[in-house]
Amino acid sequence: MHYTPVTPAEIATTAGLDDWRVILNTLQADFRAPTFPAAAALVVAIADAAEQMVHHPDVTVRYL
């Protein structure tokens, strides 16, 4: 996996984003959805927002 280091300024902007953590200088979060289709819809929403920001995060979907 390739991670882009997070800058101190970016870390400062995470105040109030309780689901996010800085791990190995990257921002990471875990989200759970009630169903697989709901998880897929969440990924689509993330992809749409990321595309608008010209940012392409790593997204992993798995069954727990």
Protein backbone atom coordinates (compact mmCIF):
# COMPACT_ATOMS: atom_id res chain seq x y z
CA MET A 1 0.00 0.00 0.00
CA HIS A 2 1.11 3.52 -0.66
CA TYR A 3 0.36 6.19 1.92
CA THR A 4 1.01 9.89 1.61
CA PRO A 5 2.28 11.36 4.90
CA VAL A 6 -0.08 13.72 6.67
CA THR A 7 1.19 17.21 7.35
CA PRO A 8 0.88 18.82 10.78
CA ALA A 9 -1.63 21.28 9.30
CA GLU A 10 -3.78 18.40 8.04
CA ILE A 11 -3.62 16.71 11.43
CA ALA A 12 -4.84 19.93 13.04
CA THR A 13 -7.94 19.88 10.81
CA THR A 14 -9.08 16.55 12.27
CA ALA A 15 -10.34 18.17 15.47
CA GLY A 16 -13.89 16.97 15.96
CA LEU A 17 -13.50 14.03 13.57
CA ASP A 18 -13.76 11.36 16.23
CA ASP A 19 -13.67 8.43 13.80
CA TRP A 20 -10.30 9.42 12.33
CA ARG A 21 -6.84 8.62 13.68
CA VAL A 22 -3.32 9.44 12.64
CA ILE A 23 -1.44 6.16 12.21
CA LEU A 24 2.08 6.14 10.76
CA ASN A 25 1.56 9.74 9.62
CA THR A 26 -1.60 8.88 7.67
CA LEU A 27 -5.25 9.57 8.42
CA GLN A 28 -7.24 6.37 8.85
CA ALA A 29 -10.77 5.50 9.87
CA ASP A 30 -12.97 2.42 10.18
CA PHE A 31 -16.66 2.60 9.39
CA ARG A 32 -19.26 -0.15 9.71
CA ALA A 33 -22.40 -0.52 7.65
CA PRO A 34 -25.41 -2.66 8.55
CA THR A 35 -25.43 -4.54 5.22
CA PHE A 36 -23.09 -5.22 2.32
CA PRO A 37 -25.16 -3.06 -0.06
CA ALA A 38 -24.98 -0.22 2.49
CA ALA A 39 -21.19 -0.63 2.60
CA ALA A 40 -21.05 -0.47 -1.19
CA ALA A 41 -23.15 2.71 -1.17
CA LEU A 42 -20.76 4.22 1.39
CA VAL A 43 -17.82 3.43 -0.88
CA VAL A 44 -19.60 5.14 -3.79
CA ALA A 45 -20.20 8.23 -1.64
CA ILE A 46 -16.52 8.26 -0.62
CA ALA A 47 -15.45 7.85 -4.24
CA ASP A 48 -17.68 10.72 -5.40
CA ALA A 49 -16.37 13.07 -2.70
CA ALA A 50 -12.76 12.01 -3.30
CA GLU A 51 -13.06 12.55 -7.05
CA GLN A 52 -14.34 16.09 -6.49
CA MET A 53 -11.31 16.74 -4.27
CA VAL A 54 -8.92 15.06 -6.74
CA HIS A 55 -7.95 12.72 -3.91
CA HIS A 56 -7.92 8.98 -4.28
CA PRO A 57 -7.83 7.22 -0.91
CA ASP A 58 -7.35 3.53 -0.29
CA VAL A 59 -10.69 1.95 0.58
CA THR A 60 -11.09 -1.60 1.85
CA VAL A 61 -14.40 -3.40 2.26
CA ARG A 62 -14.47 -6.59 4.27
CA TYR A 63 -16.97 -8.76 6.04
CA LEU A 64 -16.52 -9.06 9.80
